[in-house]
Amino acid sequence: MAFVLLGGFVVMSLWNWLIPSIFGLGVITFAQALGLLVLSKILFGGFRGGHWGGGCGGGLQFWKHRMAERWDKMTPEERHDYKQKMRNVWGRWNARREDKDFED
């Protein structure tokens, strides 16, 4: 509970110090700062596992595990098709990136 309260105070302090002078928006209350903290957790961190820790690493492990499960269920033909699809997608992305670098 202390970390939540401290987090709310930090969000409120940083917002009230930076945002009004940079963007011309108003100051926020402590309750609004707690609301922003919860909203950012929902939008960017999620609530998987029922804990607030883990950061991006927890999400990355979740997606790795999910992909490993899907991979195990694929036939060799499906794996080959998937690999080819990813090569095509990333190959086109790299080609577009190289074209953009060439234009600069």
PDB file of N, CA and C in Angstrom:
ATOM      1  N   MET A   1       0.832  -1.185   0.000  1.00  0.00           N
ATOM      2  CA  MET A   1       0.000   0.000   0.000  1.00  0.00           C
ATOM      3  C   MET A   1       0.879   1.253   0.000  1.00  0.00           C
ATOM      4  N   ALA A   2       2.004   1.172   0.694  1.00  0.00           N
ATOM      5  CA  ALA A   2       2.905   2.319   0.747  1.00  0.00           C
ATOM      6  C   ALA A   2       3.467   2.643  -0.639  1.00  0.00           C
ATOM      7  N   PHE A   3       3.739   1.597  -1.446  1.00  0.00           N
ATOM      8  CA  PHE A   3       4.260   1.831  -2.790  1.00  0.00           C
ATOM      9  C   PHE A   3       3.217   2.494  -3.688  1.00  0.00           C
ATOM     10  N   VAL A   4       1.959   2.132  -3.509  1.00  0.00           N
ATOM     11  CA  VAL A   4       0.884   2.747  -4.292  1.00  0.00           C
ATOM     12  C   VAL A   4       0.769   4.223  -3.919  1.00  0.00           C
ATOM     13  N   LEU A   5       0.778   4.503  -2.628  1.00  0.00           N
ATOM     14  CA  LEU A   5       0.685   5.897  -2.183  1.00  0.00           C
ATOM     15  C   LEU A   5       1.903   6.703  -2.636  1.00  0.00           C
ATOM     16  N   LEU A   6       3.080   6.117  -2.509  1.00  0.00           N
ATOM     17  CA  LEU A   6       4.288   6.798  -2.961  1.00  0.00           C
ATOM     18  C   LEU A   6       4.240   7.021  -4.476  1.00  0.00           C
ATOM     19  N   GLY A   7       3.788   5.993  -5.210  1.00  0.00           N
ATOM     20  CA  GLY A   7       3.661   6.127  -6.664  1.00  0.00           C
ATOM     21  C   GLY A   7       2.707   7.235  -7.049  1.00  0.00           C
ATOM     22  N   GLY A   8       1.576   7.328  -6.348  1.00  0.00           N
ATOM     23  CA  GLY A   8       0.624   8.407  -6.604  1.00  0.00           C
ATOM     24  C   GLY A   8       1.231   9.772  -6.341  1.00  0.00           C
ATOM     25  N   PHE A   9       1.972   9.888  -5.259  1.00  0.00           N
ATOM     26  CA  PHE A   9       2.625  11.160  -4.941  1.00  0.00           C
ATOM     27  C   PHE A   9       3.661  11.527  -5.992  1.00  0.00           C
ATOM     28  N   VAL A  10       4.432  10.545  -6.444  1.00  0.00           N
ATOM     29  CA  VAL A  10       5.455  10.795  -7.472  1.00  0.00           C
ATOM     30  C   VAL A  10       4.798  11.219  -8.782  1.00  0.00           C
ATOM     31  N   VAL A  11       3.728  10.520  -9.199  1.00  0.00           N
ATOM     32  CA  VAL A  11       3.024  10.883 -10.441  1.00  0.00           C
ATOM     33  C   VAL A  11       2.468  12.300 -10.331  1.00  0.00           C
ATOM     34  N   MET A  12       1.828  12.610  -9.209  1.00  0.00           N
ATOM     35  CA  MET A  12       1.261  13.944  -9.019  1.00  0.00           C
ATOM     36  C   MET A  12       2.354  15.017  -9.052  1.00  0.00           C
ATOM     37  N   SER A  13       3.435  14.767  -8.362  1.00  0.00           N
ATOM     38  CA  SER A  13       4.519  15.760  -8.313  1.00  0.00           C
ATOM     39  C   SER A  13       5.136  15.989  -9.691  1.00  0.00           C
ATOM     40  N   LEU A  14       5.433  14.902 -10.392  1.00  0.00           N
ATOM     41  CA  LEU A  14       6.030  15.042 -11.722  1.00  0.00           C
ATOM     42  C   LEU A  14       5.072  15.726 -12.691  1.00  0.00           C
ATOM     43  N   TRP A  15       3.809  15.327 -12.658  1.00  0.00           N
ATOM     44  CA  TRP A  15       2.818  15.950 -13.544  1.00  0.00           C
ATOM     45  C   TRP A  15       2.738  17.451 -13.258  1.00  0.00           C
ATOM     46  N   ASN A  16       2.555  17.807 -11.989  1.00  0.00           N
ATOM     47  CA  ASN A  16       2.379  19.215 -11.634  1.00  0.00           C
ATOM     48  C   ASN A  16       3.636  20.037 -11.865  1.00  0.00           C
ATOM     49  N   TRP A  17       4.784  19.411 -11.896  1.00  0.00           N
ATOM     50  CA  TRP A  17       6.033  20.112 -12.156  1.00  0.00           C
ATOM     51  C   TRP A  17       6.259  20.294 -13.656  1.00  0.00           C
ATOM     52  N   LEU A  18       5.976  19.253 -14.459  1.00  0.00           N
ATOM     53  CA  LEU A  18       6.325  19.274 -15.876  1.00  0.00           C
ATOM     54  C   LEU A  18       5.189  19.670 -16.823  1.00  0.00           C
ATOM     55  N   ILE A  19       4.062  19.041 -16.693  1.00  0.00           N
ATOM     56  CA  ILE A  19       3.001  19.156 -17.697  1.00  0.00           C
ATOM     57  C   ILE A  19       2.435  20.565 -17.827  1.00  0.00           C
ATOM     58  N   PRO A  20       2.133  21.281 -16.738  1.00  0.00           N
ATOM     59  CA  PRO A  20       1.594  22.631 -16.921  1.00  0.00           C
ATOM     60  C   PRO A  20       2.549  23.572 -17.664  1.00  0.00           C
ATOM     61  N   SER A  21       3.847  23.472 -17.381  1.00  0.00           N
ATOM     62  CA  SER A  21       4.792  24.379 -18.043  1.00  0.00           C
ATOM     63  C   SER A  21       5.106  23.943 -19.470  1.00  0.00           C
ATOM     64  N   ILE A  22       5.057  22.653 -19.744  1.00  0.00           N
ATOM     65  CA  ILE A  22       5.383  22.183 -21.097  1.00  0.00           C
ATOM     66  C   ILE A  22       4.179  22.267 -22.026  1.00  0.00           C
ATOM     67  N   PHE A  23       3.026  21.758 -21.566  1.00  0.00           N
ATOM     68  CA  PHE A  23       1.852  21.658 -22.435  1.00  0.00           C
ATOM     69  C   PHE A  23       0.735  22.630 -22.080  1.00  0.00           C
ATOM     70  N   GLY A  24       0.871  23.364 -21.002  1.00  0.00           N
ATOM     71  CA  GLY A  24      -0.146  24.328 -20.615  1.00  0.00           C
ATOM     72  C   GLY A  24      -1.392  23.699 -20.016  1.00  0.00           C
ATOM     73  N   LEU A  25      -1.306  22.467 -19.566  1.00  0.00           N
ATOM     74  CA  LEU A  25      -2.440  21.806 -18.929  1.00  0.00           C
ATOM     75  C   LEU A  25      -2.442  22.117 -17.444  1.00  0.00           C
ATOM     76  N   GLY A  26      -3.570  21.850 -16.785  1.00  0.00           N
ATOM     77  CA  GLY A  26      -3.710  22.154 -15.374  1.00  0.00           C
ATOM     78  C   GLY A  26      -3.009  21.147 -14.478  1.00  0.00           C
ATOM     79  N   VAL A  27      -2.966  21.486 -13.197  1.00  0.00           N
ATOM     80  CA  VAL A  27      -2.385  20.597 -12.196  1.00  0.00           C
ATOM     81  C   VAL A  27      -3.417  19.529 -11.839  1.00  0.00           C
ATOM     82  N   ILE A  28      -2.961  18.432 -11.238  1.00  0.00           N
ATOM     83  CA  ILE A  28      -3.865  17.348 -10.850  1.00  0.00           C
ATOM     84  C   ILE A  28      -3.806  17.124  -9.353  1.00  0.00           C
ATOM     85  N   THR A  29      -4.851  16.498  -8.838  1.00  0.00           N
ATOM     86  CA  THR A  29      -4.914  16.162  -7.415  1.00  0.00           C
ATOM     87  C   THR A  29      -4.271  14.793  -7.185  1.00  0.00           C
ATOM     88  N   PHE A  30      -4.130  14.447  -5.924  1.00  0.00           N
ATOM     89  CA  PHE A  30      -3.561  13.145  -5.580  1.00  0.00           C
ATOM     90  C   PHE A  30      -4.455  12.015  -6.101  1.00  0.00           C
ATOM     91  N   ALA A  31      -5.769  12.163  -5.979  1.00  0.00           N
ATOM     92  CA  ALA A  31      -6.694  11.138  -6.459  1.00  0.00           C
ATOM     93  C   ALA A  31      -6.580  10.974  -7.974  1.00  0.00           C
ATOM     94  N   GLN A  32      -6.442  12.081  -8.702  1.00  0.00           N
ATOM     95  CA  GLN A  32      -6.266  11.998 -10.146  1.00  0.00           C
ATOM     96  C   GLN A  32      -4.941  11.320 -10.504  1.00  0.00           C
ATOM     97  N   ALA A  33      -3.913  11.578  -9.709  1.00  0.00           N
ATOM     98  CA  ALA A  33      -2.622  10.926  -9.948  1.00  0.00           C
ATOM     99  C   ALA A  33      -2.736   9.417  -9.744  1.00  0.00           C
ATOM    100  N   LEU A  34      -3.459   8.988  -8.712  1.00  0.00           N
ATOM    101  CA  LEU A  34      -3.679   7.563  -8.512  1.00  0.00           C
ATOM    102  C   LEU A  34      -4.461   6.970  -9.683  1.00  0.00           C
ATOM    103  N   GLY A  35      -5.441   7.711 -10.181  1.00  0.00           N
ATOM    104  CA  GLY A  35      -6.198   7.265 -11.349  1.00  0.00           C
ATOM    105  C   GLY A  35      -5.304   7.110 -12.573  1.00  0.00           C
ATOM    106  N   LEU A  36      -4.393   8.054 -12.785  1.00  0.00           N
ATOM    107  CA  LEU A  36      -3.448   7.950 -13.903  1.00  0.00           C
ATOM    108  C   LEU A  36      -2.531   6.750 -13.739  1.00  0.00           C
ATOM    109  N   LEU A  37      -2.117   6.498 -12.511  1.00  0.00           N
ATOM    110  CA  LEU A  37      -1.252   5.356 -12.236  1.00  0.00           C
ATOM    111  C   LEU A  37      -1.967   4.048 -12.568  1.00  0.00           C
ATOM    112  N   VAL A  38      -3.214   3.925 -12.156  1.00  0.00           N
ATOM    113  CA  VAL A  38      -3.994   2.723 -12.455  1.00  0.00           C
ATOM    114  C   VAL A  38      -4.245   2.612 -13.950  1.00  0.00           C
ATOM    115  N   LEU A  39      -4.613   3.724 -14.591  1.00  0.00           N
ATOM    116  CA  LEU A  39      -4.859   3.711 -16.032  1.00  0.00           C
ATOM    117  C   LEU A  39      -3.625   3.301 -16.814  1.00  0.00           C
ATOM    118  N   SER A  40      -2.480   3.825 -16.446  1.00  0.00           N
ATOM    119  CA  SER A  40      -1.250   3.459 -17.156  1.00  0.00           C
ATOM    120  C   SER A  40      -0.914   1.990 -16.942  1.00  0.00           C
ATOM    121  N   LYS A  41      -1.202   1.473 -15.760  1.00  0.00           N
ATOM    122  CA  LYS A  41      -0.959   0.051 -15.491  1.00  0.00           C
ATOM    123  C   LYS A  41      -1.873  -0.813 -16.347  1.00  0.00           C
ATOM    124  N   ILE A  42      -3.120  -0.403 -16.487  1.00  0.00           N
ATOM    125  CA  ILE A  42      -4.059  -1.152 -17.319  1.00  0.00           C
ATOM    126  C   ILE A  42      -3.630  -1.104 -18.778  1.00  0.00           C
ATOM    127  N   LEU A  43      -3.283   0.081 -19.270  1.00  0.00           N
ATOM    128  CA  LEU A  43      -2.945   0.237 -20.686  1.00  0.00           C
ATOM    129  C   LEU A  43      -1.599  -0.364 -21.053  1.00  0.00           C
ATOM    130  N   PHE A  44      -0.622  -0.244 -20.190  1.00  0.00           N
ATOM    131  CA  PHE A  44       0.739  -0.629 -20.551  1.00  0.00           C
ATOM    132  C   PHE A  44       1.275  -1.848 -19.814  1.00  0.00           C
ATOM    133  N   GLY A  45       0.720  -2.186 -18.661  1.00  0.00           N
ATOM    134  CA  GLY A  45       1.281  -3.288 -17.894  1.00  0.00           C
ATOM    135  C   GLY A  45       0.354  -4.461 -17.712  1.00  0.00           C
ATOM    136  N   GLY A  46      -0.930  -4.217 -17.735  1.00  0.00           N
ATOM    137  CA  GLY A  46      -1.876  -5.292 -17.518  1.00  0.00           C
ATOM    138  C   GLY A  46      -1.874  -5.768 -16.082  1.00  0.00           C
ATOM    139  N   PHE A  47      -2.723  -6.741 -15.799  1.00  0.00           N
ATOM    140  CA  PHE A  47      -2.835  -7.274 -14.453  1.00  0.00           C
ATOM    141  C   PHE A  47      -2.636  -8.776 -14.432  1.00  0.00           C
ATOM    142  N   ARG A  48      -1.892  -9.321 -15.393  1.00  0.00           N
ATOM    143  CA  ARG A  48      -1.659 -10.767 -15.443  1.00  0.00           C
ATOM    144  C   ARG A  48      -0.960 -11.236 -14.169  1.00  0.00           C
ATOM    145  N   GLY A  49      -1.430 -12.343 -13.664  1.00  0.00           N
ATOM    146  CA  GLY A  49      -0.794 -12.931 -12.491  1.00  0.00           C
ATOM    147  C   GLY A  49      -1.200 -12.275 -11.181  1.00  0.00           C
ATOM    148  N   GLY A  50      -2.002 -11.210 -11.234  1.00  0.00           N
ATOM    149  CA  GLY A  50      -2.488 -10.578 -10.028  1.00  0.00           C
ATOM    150  C   GLY A  50      -1.448  -9.765  -9.283  1.00  0.00           C
ATOM    151  N   HIS A  51      -0.323  -9.467  -9.899  1.00  0.00           N
ATOM    152  CA  HIS A  51       0.691  -8.662  -9.213  1.00  0.00           C
ATOM    153  C   HIS A  51       1.027  -7.441 -10.062  1.00  0.00           C
ATOM    154  N   TRP A  52       1.639  -6.467  -9.437  1.00  0.00           N
ATOM    155  CA  TRP A  52       1.961  -5.215 -10.125  1.00  0.00           C
ATOM    156  C   TRP A  52       3.398  -5.190 -10.595  1.00  0.00           C
ATOM    157  N   GLY A  53       4.180  -6.191 -10.284  1.00  0.00           N
ATOM    158  CA  GLY A  53       5.586  -6.181 -10.675  1.00  0.00           C
ATOM    159  C   GLY A  53       5.804  -6.898 -11.987  1.00  0.00           C
ATOM    160  N   GLY A  54       7.047  -6.994 -12.390  1.00  0.00           N
ATOM    161  CA  GLY A  54       7.380  -7.762 -13.580  1.00  0.00           C
ATOM    162  C   GLY A  54       7.741  -6.909 -14.766  1.00  0.00           C
ATOM    163  N   GLY A  55       7.096  -5.795 -14.955  1.00  0.00           N
ATOM    164  CA  GLY A  55       7.401  -4.916 -16.074  1.00  0.00           C
ATOM    165  C   GLY A  55       7.278  -5.609 -17.412  1.00  0.00           C
ATOM    166  N   CYS A  56       8.084  -5.188 -18.363  1.00  0.00           N
ATOM    167  CA  CYS A  56       8.023  -5.734 -19.715  1.00  0.00           C
ATOM    168  C   CYS A  56       8.493  -7.175 -19.762  1.00  0.00           C
ATOM    169  N   GLY A  57       9.417  -7.554 -18.900  1.00  0.00           N
ATOM    170  CA  GLY A  57       9.934  -8.914 -18.919  1.00  0.00           C
ATOM    171  C   GLY A  57       8.848  -9.945 -18.685  1.00  0.00           C
ATOM    172  N   GLY A  58       7.906  -9.645 -17.783  1.00  0.00           N
ATOM    173  CA  GLY A  58       6.804 -10.566 -17.540  1.00  0.00           C
ATOM    174  C   GLY A  58       5.949 -10.742 -18.770  1.00  0.00           C
ATOM    175  N   GLY A  59       5.664  -9.646 -19.469  1.00  0.00           N
ATOM    176  CA  GLY A  59       4.876  -9.723 -20.691  1.00  0.00           C
ATOM    177  C   GLY A  59       5.607 -10.474 -21.781  1.00  0.00           C
ATOM    178  N   LEU A  60       6.900 -10.271 -21.864  1.00  0.00           N
ATOM    179  CA  LEU A  60       7.696 -10.964 -22.870  1.00  0.00           C
ATOM    180  C   LEU A  60       7.687 -12.461 -22.623  1.00  0.00           C
ATOM    181  N   GLN A  61       7.816 -12.864 -21.373  1.00  0.00           N
ATOM    182  CA  GLN A  61       7.776 -14.288 -21.044  1.00  0.00           C
ATOM    183  C   GLN A  61       6.420 -14.885 -21.382  1.00  0.00           C
ATOM    184  N   PHE A  62       5.355 -14.131 -21.152  1.00  0.00           N
ATOM    185  CA  PHE A  62       4.015 -14.596 -21.485  1.00  0.00           C
ATOM    186  C   PHE A  62       3.906 -14.886 -22.971  1.00  0.00           C
ATOM    187  N   TRP A  63       4.369 -13.952 -23.819  1.00  0.00           N
ATOM    188  CA  TRP A  63       4.263 -14.137 -25.269  1.00  0.00           C
ATOM    189  C   TRP A  63       5.185 -15.247 -25.759  1.00  0.00           C
ATOM    190  N   LYS A  64       6.360 -15.377 -25.161  1.00  0.00           N
ATOM    191  CA  LYS A  64       7.259 -16.474 -25.541  1.00  0.00           C
ATOM    192  C   LYS A  64       6.608 -17.817 -25.237  1.00  0.00           C
ATOM    193  N   HIS A  65       6.024 -17.930 -24.064  1.00  0.00           N
ATOM    194  CA  HIS A  65       5.371 -19.172 -23.670  1.00  0.00           C
ATOM    195  C   HIS A  65       4.190 -19.469 -24.595  1.00  0.00           C
ATOM    196  N   ARG A  66       3.417 -18.446 -24.897  1.00  0.00           N
ATOM    197  CA  ARG A  66       2.258 -18.631 -25.778  1.00  0.00           C
ATOM    198  C   ARG A  66       2.696 -19.083 -27.170  1.00  0.00           C
ATOM    199  N   MET A  67       3.743 -18.469 -27.702  1.00  0.00           N
ATOM    200  CA  MET A  67       4.226 -18.856 -29.025  1.00  0.00           C
ATOM    201  C   MET A  67       4.807 -20.265 -29.005  1.00  0.00           C
ATOM    202  N   ALA A  68       5.494 -20.644 -27.934  1.00  0.00           N
ATOM    203  CA  ALA A  68       6.042 -22.001 -27.829  1.00  0.00           C
ATOM    204  C   ALA A  68       4.922 -23.038 -27.837  1.00  0.00           C
ATOM    205  N   GLU A  69       3.823 -22.740 -27.149  1.00  0.00           N
ATOM    206  CA  GLU A  69       2.685 -23.654 -27.157  1.00  0.00           C
ATOM    207  C   GLU A  69       2.105 -23.792 -28.560  1.00  0.00           C
ATOM    208  N   ARG A  70       1.949 -22.683 -29.242  1.00  0.00           N
ATOM    209  CA  ARG A  70       1.413 -22.721 -30.605  1.00  0.00           C
ATOM    210  C   ARG A  70       2.358 -23.465 -31.530  1.00  0.00           C
ATOM    211  N   TRP A  71       3.648 -23.241 -31.382  1.00  0.00           N
ATOM    212  CA  TRP A  71       4.657 -23.882 -32.222  1.00  0.00           C
ATOM    213  C   TRP A  71       4.620 -25.401 -32.059  1.00  0.00           C
ATOM    214  N   ASP A  72       4.469 -25.843 -30.807  1.00  0.00           N
ATOM    215  CA  ASP A  72       4.420 -27.282 -30.530  1.00  0.00           C
ATOM    216  C   ASP A  72       3.222 -27.955 -31.178  1.00  0.00           C
ATOM    217  N   LYS A  73       2.140 -27.230 -31.365  1.00  0.00           N
ATOM    218  CA  LYS A  73       0.926 -27.804 -31.950  1.00  0.00           C
ATOM    219  C   LYS A  73       0.937 -27.775 -33.480  1.00  0.00           C
ATOM    220  N   MET A  74       1.915 -27.093 -34.093  1.00  0.00           N
ATOM    221  CA  MET A  74       1.969 -26.987 -35.554  1.00  0.00           C
ATOM    222  C   MET A  74       2.559 -28.245 -36.178  1.00  0.00           C
ATOM    223  N   THR A  75       2.075 -28.539 -37.366  1.00  0.00           N
ATOM    224  CA  THR A  75       2.683 -29.614 -38.158  1.00  0.00           C
ATOM    225  C   THR A  75       3.949 -29.065 -38.808  1.00  0.00           C
ATOM    226  N   PRO A  76       4.838 -29.919 -39.316  1.00  0.00           N
ATOM    227  CA  PRO A  76       6.028 -29.419 -40.006  1.00  0.00           C
ATOM    228  C   PRO A  76       5.691 -28.492 -41.177  1.00  0.00           C
ATOM    229  N   GLU A  77       4.606 -28.792 -41.890  1.00  0.00           N
ATOM    230  CA  GLU A  77       4.204 -27.933 -43.010  1.00  0.00           C
ATOM    231  C   GLU A  77       3.757 -26.558 -42.509  1.00  0.00           C
ATOM    232  N   GLU A  78       3.002 -26.541 -41.421  1.00  0.00           N
ATOM    233  CA  GLU A  78       2.550 -25.264 -40.856  1.00  0.00           C
ATOM    234  C   GLU A  78       3.739 -24.446 -40.355  1.00  0.00           C
ATOM    235  N   ARG A  79       4.718 -25.110 -39.762  1.00  0.00           N
ATOM    236  CA  ARG A  79       5.921 -24.403 -39.309  1.00  0.00           C
ATOM    237  C   ARG A  79       6.665 -23.787 -40.480  1.00  0.00           C
ATOM    238  N   HIS A  80       6.795 -24.554 -41.554  1.00  0.00           N
ATOM    239  CA  HIS A  80       7.478 -24.048 -42.748  1.00  0.00           C
ATOM    240  C   HIS A  80       6.739 -22.834 -43.310  1.00  0.00           C
ATOM    241  N   ASP A  81       5.408 -22.938 -43.412  1.00  0.00           N
ATOM    242  CA  ASP A  81       4.610 -21.822 -43.918  1.00  0.00           C
ATOM    243  C   ASP A  81       4.744 -20.589 -43.016  1.00  0.00           C
ATOM    244  N   TYR A  82       4.747 -20.821 -41.706  1.00  0.00           N
ATOM    245  CA  TYR A  82       4.889 -19.712 -40.762  1.00  0.00           C
ATOM    246  C   TYR A  82       6.244 -19.024 -40.924  1.00  0.00           C
ATOM    247  N   LYS A  83       7.306 -19.831 -41.014  1.00  0.00           N
ATOM    248  CA  LYS A  83       8.648 -19.259 -41.202  1.00  0.00           C
ATOM    249  C   LYS A  83       8.709 -18.443 -42.477  1.00  0.00           C
ATOM    250  N   GLN A  84       8.120 -18.968 -43.556  1.00  0.00           N
ATOM    251  CA  GLN A  84       8.139 -18.249 -44.833  1.00  0.00           C
ATOM    252  C   GLN A  84       7.363 -16.937 -44.725  1.00  0.00           C
ATOM    253  N   LYS A  85       6.234 -16.999 -44.058  1.00  0.00           N
ATOM    254  CA  LYS A  85       5.431 -15.790 -43.866  1.00  0.00           C
ATOM    255  C   LYS A  85       6.227 -14.731 -43.108  1.00  0.00           C
ATOM    256  N   MET A  86       6.918 -15.137 -42.044  1.00  0.00           N
ATOM    257  CA  MET A  86       7.708 -14.184 -41.262  1.00  0.00           C
ATOM    258  C   MET A  86       8.877 -13.627 -42.077  1.00  0.00           C
ATOM    259  N   ARG A  87       9.500 -14.459 -42.873  1.00  0.00           N
ATOM    260  CA  ARG A  87      10.571 -13.961 -43.747  1.00  0.00           C
ATOM    261  C   ARG A  87      10.036 -12.922 -44.713  1.00  0.00           C
ATOM    262  N   ASN A  88       8.856 -13.184 -45.278  1.00  0.00           N
ATOM    263  CA  ASN A  88       8.255 -12.230 -46.215  1.00  0.00           C
ATOM    264  C   ASN A  88       7.903 -10.922 -45.527  1.00  0.00           C
ATOM    265  N   VAL A  89       7.315 -11.025 -44.345  1.00  0.00           N
ATOM    266  CA  VAL A  89       6.923  -9.812 -43.613  1.00  0.00           C
ATOM    267  C   VAL A  89       8.150  -8.996 -43.240  1.00  0.00           C
ATOM    268  N   TRP A  90       9.131  -9.624 -42.599  1.00  0.00           N
ATOM    269  CA  TRP A  90      10.305  -8.886 -42.143  1.00  0.00           C
ATOM    270  C   TRP A  90      11.197  -8.508 -43.312  1.00  0.00           C
ATOM    271  N   GLY A  91      11.224  -9.313 -44.341  1.00  0.00           N
ATOM    272  CA  GLY A  91      12.010  -8.968 -45.517  1.00  0.00           C
ATOM    273  C   GLY A  91      11.491  -7.710 -46.178  1.00  0.00           C
ATOM    274  N   ARG A  92      10.160  -7.621 -46.285  1.00  0.00           N
ATOM    275  CA  ARG A  92       9.566  -6.406 -46.859  1.00  0.00           C
ATOM    276  C   ARG A  92       9.825  -5.213 -45.963  1.00  0.00           C
ATOM    277  N   TRP A  93       9.769  -5.406 -44.644  1.00  0.00           N
ATOM    278  CA  TRP A  93      10.021  -4.304 -43.723  1.00  0.00           C
ATOM    279  C   TRP A  93      11.460  -3.816 -43.876  1.00  0.00           C
ATOM    280  N   ASN A  94      12.405  -4.755 -43.958  1.00  0.00           N
ATOM    281  CA  ASN A  94      13.805  -4.373 -44.134  1.00  0.00           C
ATOM    282  C   ASN A  94      14.020  -3.685 -45.464  1.00  0.00           C
ATOM    283  N   ALA A  95      13.340  -4.153 -46.528  1.00  0.00           N
ATOM    284  CA  ALA A  95      13.478  -3.510 -47.836  1.00  0.00           C
ATOM    285  C   ALA A  95      12.942  -2.084 -47.776  1.00  0.00           C
ATOM    286  N   ARG A  96      11.785  -1.897 -47.125  1.00  0.00           N
ATOM    287  CA  ARG A  96      11.243  -0.536 -46.995  1.00  0.00           C
ATOM    288  C   ARG A  96      12.187   0.336 -46.188  1.00  0.00           C
ATOM    289  N   ARG A  97      12.777  -0.235 -45.149  1.00  0.00           N
ATOM    290  CA  ARG A  97      13.707   0.520 -44.306  1.00  0.00           C
ATOM    291  C   ARG A  97      14.939   0.924 -45.110  1.00  0.00           C
ATOM    292  N   GLU A  98      15.462  -0.007 -45.921  1.00  0.00           N
ATOM    293  CA  GLU A  98      16.624   0.311 -46.752  1.00  0.00           C
ATOM    294  C   GLU A  98      16.277   1.376 -47.776  1.00  0.00           C
ATOM    295  N   ASP A  99      15.060   1.308 -48.357  1.00  0.00           N
ATOM    296  CA  ASP A  99      14.634   2.331 -49.310  1.00  0.00           C
ATOM    297  C   ASP A  99      14.566   3.693 -48.638  1.00  0.00           C
ATOM    298  N   LYS A 100      14.055   3.733 -47.429  1.00  0.00           N
ATOM    299  CA  LYS A 100      13.951   4.994 -46.696  1.00  0.00           C
ATOM    300  C   LYS A 100      15.347   5.527 -46.402  1.00  0.00           C
ATOM    301  N   ASP A 101      16.252   4.657 -45.956  1.00  0.00           N
ATOM    302  CA  ASP A 101      17.627   5.090 -45.688  1.00  0.00           C
ATOM    303  C   ASP A 101      18.273   5.623 -46.958  1.00  0.00           C
ATOM    304  N   PHE A 102      17.963   5.012 -48.092  1.00  0.00           N
ATOM    305  CA  PHE A 102      18.532   5.452 -49.352  1.00  0.00           C
ATOM    306  C   PHE A 102      18.037   6.839 -49.736  1.00  0.00           C
ATOM    307  N   GLU A 103      16.732   7.122 -49.428  1.00  0.00           N
ATOM    308  CA  GLU A 103      16.153   8.433 -49.751  1.00  0.00           C
ATOM    309  C   GLU A 103      16.774   9.537 -48.908  1.00  0.00           C
ATOM    310  N   ASP A 104      17.157   9.230 -47.681  1.00  0.00           N
ATOM    311  CA  ASP A 104      17.709  10.249 -46.785  1.00  0.00           C
ATOM    312  C   ASP A 104      19.057  10.638 -47.254  1.00  0.00           C
TER     313      ASP A 104
END
